[in-house]
Amino acid sequence: MNVMWRTLLFFFLARRRVRREGRVEPRAVTTIRLTTLPTDIDILRHMNNGRYLSLFDLGRWDLLVRTGMSDVMKKQNWYAVVSAETITFRKSLELWQRFDVESRLLGHDDRAIYMEHRAVVNGEIYASVIVRARMLKRGGGTVTHEELFAAVGEPDMIPDIADWVHEWAVASALPSTRQPAPSEWRD
């Protein structure tokens, strides 16, 4: 539940920053400051590996609010879902350690939007995640890129997704929800 309270807090703080500083460009790197709390650590006394993904969500909300994308999503009755993510750990975050979550939009392909989040301490990367998200309509269906860019404009200077990100997206994909996906283990 504490991540829910943190989410509401950072959503509020992002809105306040927009009022004070204005919106940021879609290609901007946004930063929020966090502290590793007792509820974030595991038995080894460092941040639990699953908690990173929850805290990176805070960075994603900050990015969506500060670019104005959350307003468009609310107006259009859209929402985003994470369809895949991969995380790489380099160093552990310890109890009470302050760190920044840096977030940026990497780009898009024909079906998804890609973002990167980093846990950074004093300019040094501790962990990094690549996120693949799809935009969905509350009434059902997927938001096409044509609909998305008609609503928000196509961001300038967004590079093509790196080949390895496309390969990862294909390799990690599960079957569509309209296809069977039996849990069968192979030897």
C-alpha atoms as a PDB file:
ATOM      1  CA  MET A   1       0.000   0.000   0.000  1.00  0.00           C
ATOM      2  CA  ASN A   2       2.907   2.394   0.647  1.00  0.00           C
ATOM      3  CA  VAL A   3       3.646   2.534  -3.089  1.00  0.00           C
ATOM      4  CA  MET A   4       0.059   3.705  -3.627  1.00  0.00           C
ATOM      5  CA  TRP A   5       0.630   6.622  -1.251  1.00  0.00           C
ATOM      6  CA  ARG A   6       3.943   7.374  -2.933  1.00  0.00           C
ATOM      7  CA  THR A   7       2.198   7.282  -6.325  1.00  0.00           C
ATOM      8  CA  LEU A   8      -0.425   9.788  -5.204  1.00  0.00           C
ATOM      9  CA  LEU A   9       2.279  11.988  -3.686  1.00  0.00           C
ATOM     10  CA  PHE A  10       4.410  11.996  -6.847  1.00  0.00           C
ATOM     11  CA  PHE A  11       1.383  12.525  -9.057  1.00  0.00           C
ATOM     12  CA  PHE A  12       0.554  15.615  -6.975  1.00  0.00           C
ATOM     13  CA  LEU A  13       4.188  16.810  -7.037  1.00  0.00           C
ATOM     14  CA  ALA A  14       4.386  16.373 -10.822  1.00  0.00           C
ATOM     15  CA  ARG A  15       1.209  18.428 -11.291  1.00  0.00           C
ATOM     16  CA  ARG A  16       2.645  21.148  -9.056  1.00  0.00           C
ATOM     17  CA  ARG A  17       5.876  21.188 -11.088  1.00  0.00           C
ATOM     18  CA  VAL A  18       3.864  21.599 -14.303  1.00  0.00           C
ATOM     19  CA  ARG A  19       2.040  24.590 -12.787  1.00  0.00           C
ATOM     20  CA  ARG A  20       5.328  26.148 -11.639  1.00  0.00           C
ATOM     21  CA  GLU A  21       7.711  25.229 -14.463  1.00  0.00           C
ATOM     22  CA  GLY A  22       5.452  24.322 -17.377  1.00  0.00           C
ATOM     23  CA  ARG A  23       5.421  21.112 -19.361  1.00  0.00           C
ATOM     24  CA  VAL A  24       8.552  19.371 -20.546  1.00  0.00           C
ATOM     25  CA  GLU A  25       9.241  18.176 -24.082  1.00  0.00           C
ATOM     26  CA  PRO A  26       8.454  14.517 -24.855  1.00  0.00           C
ATOM     27  CA  ARG A  27      12.200  13.793 -25.279  1.00  0.00           C
ATOM     28  CA  ALA A  28      13.098  15.291 -21.885  1.00  0.00           C
ATOM     29  CA  VAL A  29      14.660  13.238 -19.124  1.00  0.00           C
ATOM     30  CA  THR A  30      12.604  13.725 -15.981  1.00  0.00           C
ATOM     31  CA  THR A  31      14.005  13.103 -12.517  1.00  0.00           C
ATOM     32  CA  ILE A  32      12.445  12.377  -9.147  1.00  0.00           C
ATOM     33  CA  ARG A  33      14.309  11.912  -5.867  1.00  0.00           C
ATOM     34  CA  LEU A  34      13.540   8.893  -3.683  1.00  0.00           C
ATOM     35  CA  THR A  35      14.869   7.257  -0.531  1.00  0.00           C
ATOM     36  CA  THR A  36      15.076   3.513   0.059  1.00  0.00           C
ATOM     37  CA  LEU A  37      12.587   2.913   2.879  1.00  0.00           C
ATOM     38  CA  PRO A  38      12.385  -0.046   5.282  1.00  0.00           C
ATOM     39  CA  THR A  39       9.378  -1.316   3.291  1.00  0.00           C
ATOM     40  CA  ASP A  40      11.569  -1.420   0.141  1.00  0.00           C
ATOM     41  CA  ILE A  41      14.284  -3.717   1.445  1.00  0.00           C
ATOM     42  CA  ASP A  42      14.494  -7.494   1.577  1.00  0.00           C
ATOM     43  CA  ILE A  43      16.118  -9.897   4.027  1.00  0.00           C
ATOM     44  CA  LEU A  44      19.548  -9.071   2.570  1.00  0.00           C
ATOM     45  CA  ARG A  45      19.027  -5.430   3.666  1.00  0.00           C
ATOM     46  CA  HIS A  46      19.084  -3.902   0.203  1.00  0.00           C
ATOM     47  CA  MET A  47      16.247  -2.880  -2.085  1.00  0.00           C
ATOM     48  CA  ASN A  48      14.143  -5.837  -3.144  1.00  0.00           C
ATOM     49  CA  ASN A  49      14.496  -6.527  -6.863  1.00  0.00           C
ATOM     50  CA  GLY A  50      10.717  -6.363  -7.404  1.00  0.00           C
ATOM     51  CA  ARG A  51      10.458  -2.990  -5.667  1.00  0.00           C
ATOM     52  CA  TYR A  52      12.587  -1.306  -8.339  1.00  0.00           C
ATOM     53  CA  LEU A  53       9.825  -1.829 -10.897  1.00  0.00           C
ATOM     54  CA  SER A  54       7.208  -0.371  -8.554  1.00  0.00           C
ATOM     55  CA  LEU A  55       9.338   2.686  -7.878  1.00  0.00           C
ATOM     56  CA  PHE A  56      10.130   3.137 -11.565  1.00  0.00           C
ATOM     57  CA  ASP A  57       6.339   3.447 -12.018  1.00  0.00           C
ATOM     58  CA  LEU A  58       6.628   6.685 -10.034  1.00  0.00           C
ATOM     59  CA  GLY A  59       9.073   7.967 -12.625  1.00  0.00           C
ATOM     60  CA  ARG A  60       6.703   6.935 -15.402  1.00  0.00           C
ATOM     61  CA  TRP A  61       3.830   8.875 -13.808  1.00  0.00           C
ATOM     62  CA  ASP A  62       6.081  11.899 -13.396  1.00  0.00           C
ATOM     63  CA  LEU A  63       7.030  11.706 -17.092  1.00  0.00           C
ATOM     64  CA  LEU A  64       3.407  11.275 -18.228  1.00  0.00           C
ATOM     65  CA  VAL A  65       2.169  14.191 -16.120  1.00  0.00           C
ATOM     66  CA  ARG A  66       5.019  16.576 -16.911  1.00  0.00           C
ATOM     67  CA  THR A  67       4.796  15.992 -20.687  1.00  0.00           C
ATOM     68  CA  GLY A  68       1.009  16.469 -20.611  1.00  0.00           C
ATOM     69  CA  MET A  69       0.374  12.924 -21.774  1.00  0.00           C
ATOM     70  CA  SER A  70      -1.677  12.047 -18.664  1.00  0.00           C
ATOM     71  CA  ASP A  71      -4.125  14.891 -19.469  1.00  0.00           C
ATOM     72  CA  VAL A  72      -4.547  13.582 -23.009  1.00  0.00           C
ATOM     73  CA  MET A  73      -5.054  10.045 -21.703  1.00  0.00           C
ATOM     74  CA  LYS A  74      -7.722  11.223 -19.259  1.00  0.00           C
ATOM     75  CA  LYS A  75      -9.517  13.316 -21.897  1.00  0.00           C
ATOM     76  CA  GLN A  76      -9.461  10.502 -24.466  1.00  0.00           C
ATOM     77  CA  ASN A  77     -10.368   7.833 -21.887  1.00  0.00           C
ATOM     78  CA  TRP A  78      -7.147   5.917 -22.563  1.00  0.00           C
ATOM     79  CA  TYR A  79      -4.798   4.095 -20.245  1.00  0.00           C
ATOM     80  CA  ALA A  80      -1.384   2.517 -20.587  1.00  0.00           C
ATOM     81  CA  VAL A  81      -0.412  -1.003 -19.650  1.00  0.00           C
ATOM     82  CA  VAL A  82       3.078  -2.403 -19.423  1.00  0.00           C
ATOM     83  CA  SER A  83       3.366  -5.337 -21.797  1.00  0.00           C
ATOM     84  CA  ALA A  84       7.020  -6.161 -21.135  1.00  0.00           C
ATOM     85  CA  GLU A  85       9.967  -4.886 -19.170  1.00  0.00           C
ATOM     86  CA  THR A  86      13.524  -5.947 -18.595  1.00  0.00           C
ATOM     87  CA  ILE A  87      15.729  -4.753 -15.778  1.00  0.00           C
ATOM     88  CA  THR A  88      19.470  -4.877 -15.259  1.00  0.00           C
ATOM     89  CA  PHE A  89      21.055  -4.423 -11.844  1.00  0.00           C
ATOM     90  CA  ARG A  90      24.550  -3.059 -11.314  1.00  0.00           C
ATOM     91  CA  LYS A  91      24.754  -2.036  -7.640  1.00  0.00           C
ATOM     92  CA  SER A  92      22.454  -2.426  -4.656  1.00  0.00           C
ATOM     93  CA  LEU A  93      20.499   0.409  -3.093  1.00  0.00           C
ATOM     94  CA  GLU A  94      20.809   0.252   0.689  1.00  0.00           C
ATOM     95  CA  LEU A  95      18.373   1.272   3.432  1.00  0.00           C
ATOM     96  CA  TRP A  96      17.865   5.066   3.657  1.00  0.00           C
ATOM     97  CA  GLN A  97      19.971   5.630   0.531  1.00  0.00           C
ATOM     98  CA  ARG A  98      18.863   8.606  -1.592  1.00  0.00           C
ATOM     99  CA  PHE A  99      18.672   8.044  -5.337  1.00  0.00           C
ATOM    100  CA  ASP A 100      17.160   9.572  -8.430  1.00  0.00           C
ATOM    101  CA  VAL A 101      14.816   7.888 -10.855  1.00  0.00           C
ATOM    102  CA  GLU A 102      15.557   9.255 -14.306  1.00  0.00           C
ATOM    103  CA  SER A 103      12.905   8.562 -16.954  1.00  0.00           C
ATOM    104  CA  ARG A 104      12.707   9.162 -20.680  1.00  0.00           C
ATOM    105  CA  LEU A 105      10.721   8.154 -23.723  1.00  0.00           C
ATOM    106  CA  LEU A 106      12.873   6.001 -26.003  1.00  0.00           C
ATOM    107  CA  GLY A 107      10.477   5.943 -28.926  1.00  0.00           C
ATOM    108  CA  HIS A 108       7.803   3.768 -30.443  1.00  0.00           C
ATOM    109  CA  ASP A 109       7.124   1.079 -32.952  1.00  0.00           C
ATOM    110  CA  ASP A 110       3.871   0.146 -34.671  1.00  0.00           C
ATOM    111  CA  ARG A 111       2.329  -1.322 -31.492  1.00  0.00           C
ATOM    112  CA  ALA A 112       3.971   0.145 -28.419  1.00  0.00           C
ATOM    113  CA  ILE A 113       5.772   2.976 -26.701  1.00  0.00           C
ATOM    114  CA  TYR A 114       9.183   2.342 -25.130  1.00  0.00           C
ATOM    115  CA  MET A 115      10.591   4.067 -22.057  1.00  0.00           C
ATOM    116  CA  GLU A 116      13.756   3.785 -20.019  1.00  0.00           C
ATOM    117  CA  HIS A 117      14.110   4.336 -16.277  1.00  0.00           C
ATOM    118  CA  ARG A 118      17.332   4.424 -14.292  1.00  0.00           C
ATOM    119  CA  ALA A 119      18.139   4.374 -10.587  1.00  0.00           C
ATOM    120  CA  VAL A 120      21.041   6.829 -10.254  1.00  0.00           C
ATOM    121  CA  VAL A 121      23.221   7.762  -7.279  1.00  0.00           C
ATOM    122  CA  ASN A 122      25.608  10.708  -7.668  1.00  0.00           C
ATOM    123  CA  GLY A 123      25.469  10.383 -11.456  1.00  0.00           C
ATOM    124  CA  GLU A 124      26.155   6.631 -11.391  1.00  0.00           C
ATOM    125  CA  ILE A 125      23.645   4.082 -12.738  1.00  0.00           C
ATOM    126  CA  TYR A 126      22.658   1.429 -10.188  1.00  0.00           C
ATOM    127  CA  ALA A 127      19.837  -0.180 -12.214  1.00  0.00           C
ATOM    128  CA  SER A 128      18.167   0.351 -15.577  1.00  0.00           C
ATOM    129  CA  VAL A 129      14.873  -0.870 -17.017  1.00  0.00           C
ATOM    130  CA  ILE A 130      13.411  -0.837 -20.513  1.00  0.00           C
ATOM    131  CA  VAL A 131       9.599  -0.776 -20.564  1.00  0.00           C
ATOM    132  CA  ARG A 132       7.261  -1.609 -23.427  1.00  0.00           C
ATOM    133  CA  ALA A 133       3.767  -0.154 -22.915  1.00  0.00           C
ATOM    134  CA  ARG A 134       0.607  -0.234 -24.976  1.00  0.00           C
ATOM    135  CA  MET A 135      -2.118   2.379 -24.967  1.00  0.00           C
ATOM    136  CA  LEU A 136      -5.623   0.974 -24.580  1.00  0.00           C
ATOM    137  CA  LYS A 137      -9.124   2.451 -24.747  1.00  0.00           C
ATOM    138  CA  ARG A 138     -11.374   2.059 -21.721  1.00  0.00           C
ATOM    139  CA  GLY A 139     -14.179   1.133 -24.106  1.00  0.00           C
ATOM    140  CA  GLY A 140     -12.030  -1.653 -25.549  1.00  0.00           C
ATOM    141  CA  GLY A 141      -9.358  -1.865 -28.179  1.00  0.00           C
ATOM    142  CA  THR A 142      -5.893  -0.490 -28.720  1.00  0.00           C
ATOM    143  CA  VAL A 143      -5.056   3.149 -29.383  1.00  0.00           C
ATOM    144  CA  THR A 144      -3.456   3.319 -32.806  1.00  0.00           C
ATOM    145  CA  HIS A 145      -0.394   5.453 -33.346  1.00  0.00           C
ATOM    146  CA  GLU A 146      -2.444   7.593 -35.713  1.00  0.00           C
ATOM    147  CA  GLU A 147      -4.927   8.309 -32.893  1.00  0.00           C
ATOM    148  CA  LEU A 148      -2.127   8.909 -30.408  1.00  0.00           C
ATOM    149  CA  PHE A 149      -0.219  11.328 -32.621  1.00  0.00           C
ATOM    150  CA  ALA A 150      -3.432  13.109 -33.655  1.00  0.00           C
ATOM    151  CA  ALA A 151      -4.054  13.788 -29.953  1.00  0.00           C
ATOM    152  CA  VAL A 152      -0.528  14.679 -28.803  1.00  0.00           C
ATOM    153  CA  GLY A 153       1.402  15.385 -31.979  1.00  0.00           C
ATOM    154  CA  GLU A 154       4.334  13.277 -33.056  1.00  0.00           C
ATOM    155  CA  PRO A 155       7.314  14.128 -30.866  1.00  0.00           C
ATOM    156  CA  ASP A 156      10.273  15.549 -32.755  1.00  0.00           C
ATOM    157  CA  MET A 157      13.709  14.016 -32.498  1.00  0.00           C
ATOM    158  CA  ILE A 158      12.528  10.639 -31.222  1.00  0.00           C
ATOM    159  CA  PRO A 159      14.987   8.156 -32.673  1.00  0.00           C
ATOM    160  CA  ASP A 160      14.076   4.773 -34.011  1.00  0.00           C
ATOM    161  CA  ILE A 161      14.105   2.048 -31.428  1.00  0.00           C
ATOM    162  CA  ALA A 162      17.461   0.276 -31.262  1.00  0.00           C
ATOM    163  CA  ASP A 163      17.528  -3.103 -33.001  1.00  0.00           C
ATOM    164  CA  TRP A 164      18.197  -4.970 -29.764  1.00  0.00           C
ATOM    165  CA  VAL A 165      15.041  -3.459 -28.210  1.00  0.00           C
ATOM    166  CA  HIS A 166      12.951  -4.703 -31.155  1.00  0.00           C
ATOM    167  CA  GLU A 167      14.584  -8.139 -30.877  1.00  0.00           C
ATOM    168  CA  TRP A 168      13.929  -8.224 -27.135  1.00  0.00           C
ATOM    169  CA  ALA A 169      10.275  -7.229 -27.663  1.00  0.00           C
ATOM    170  CA  VAL A 170       9.759 -10.028 -30.171  1.00  0.00           C
ATOM    171  CA  ALA A 171      11.677 -12.634 -28.160  1.00  0.00           C
ATOM    172  CA  SER A 172       9.862 -11.870 -24.897  1.00  0.00           C
ATOM    173  CA  ALA A 173       6.338 -11.631 -26.332  1.00  0.00           C
ATOM    174  CA  LEU A 174       3.623 -14.006 -25.226  1.00  0.00           C
ATOM    175  CA  PRO A 175       0.759 -15.039 -27.501  1.00  0.00           C
ATOM    176  CA  SER A 176      -2.098 -12.599 -28.009  1.00  0.00           C
ATOM    177  CA  THR A 177      -4.958 -12.791 -25.513  1.00  0.00           C
ATOM    178  CA  ARG A 178      -7.055 -14.175 -28.376  1.00  0.00           C
ATOM    179  CA  GLN A 179      -4.725 -17.158 -28.792  1.00  0.00           C
ATOM    180  CA  PRO A 180      -4.166 -20.077 -26.436  1.00  0.00           C
ATOM    181  CA  ALA A 181      -1.165 -19.865 -24.117  1.00  0.00           C
ATOM    182  CA  PRO A 182      -0.913 -23.235 -22.357  1.00  0.00           C
ATOM    183  CA  SER A 183       1.606 -23.554 -19.547  1.00  0.00           C
ATOM    184  CA  GLU A 184       3.730 -26.395 -20.819  1.00  0.00           C
ATOM    185  CA  TRP A 185       7.271 -26.799 -19.527  1.00  0.00           C
ATOM    186  CA  ARG A 186       9.898 -28.138 -21.861  1.00  0.00           C
ATOM    187  CA  ASP A 187      12.832 -30.242 -20.733  1.00  0.00           C
END
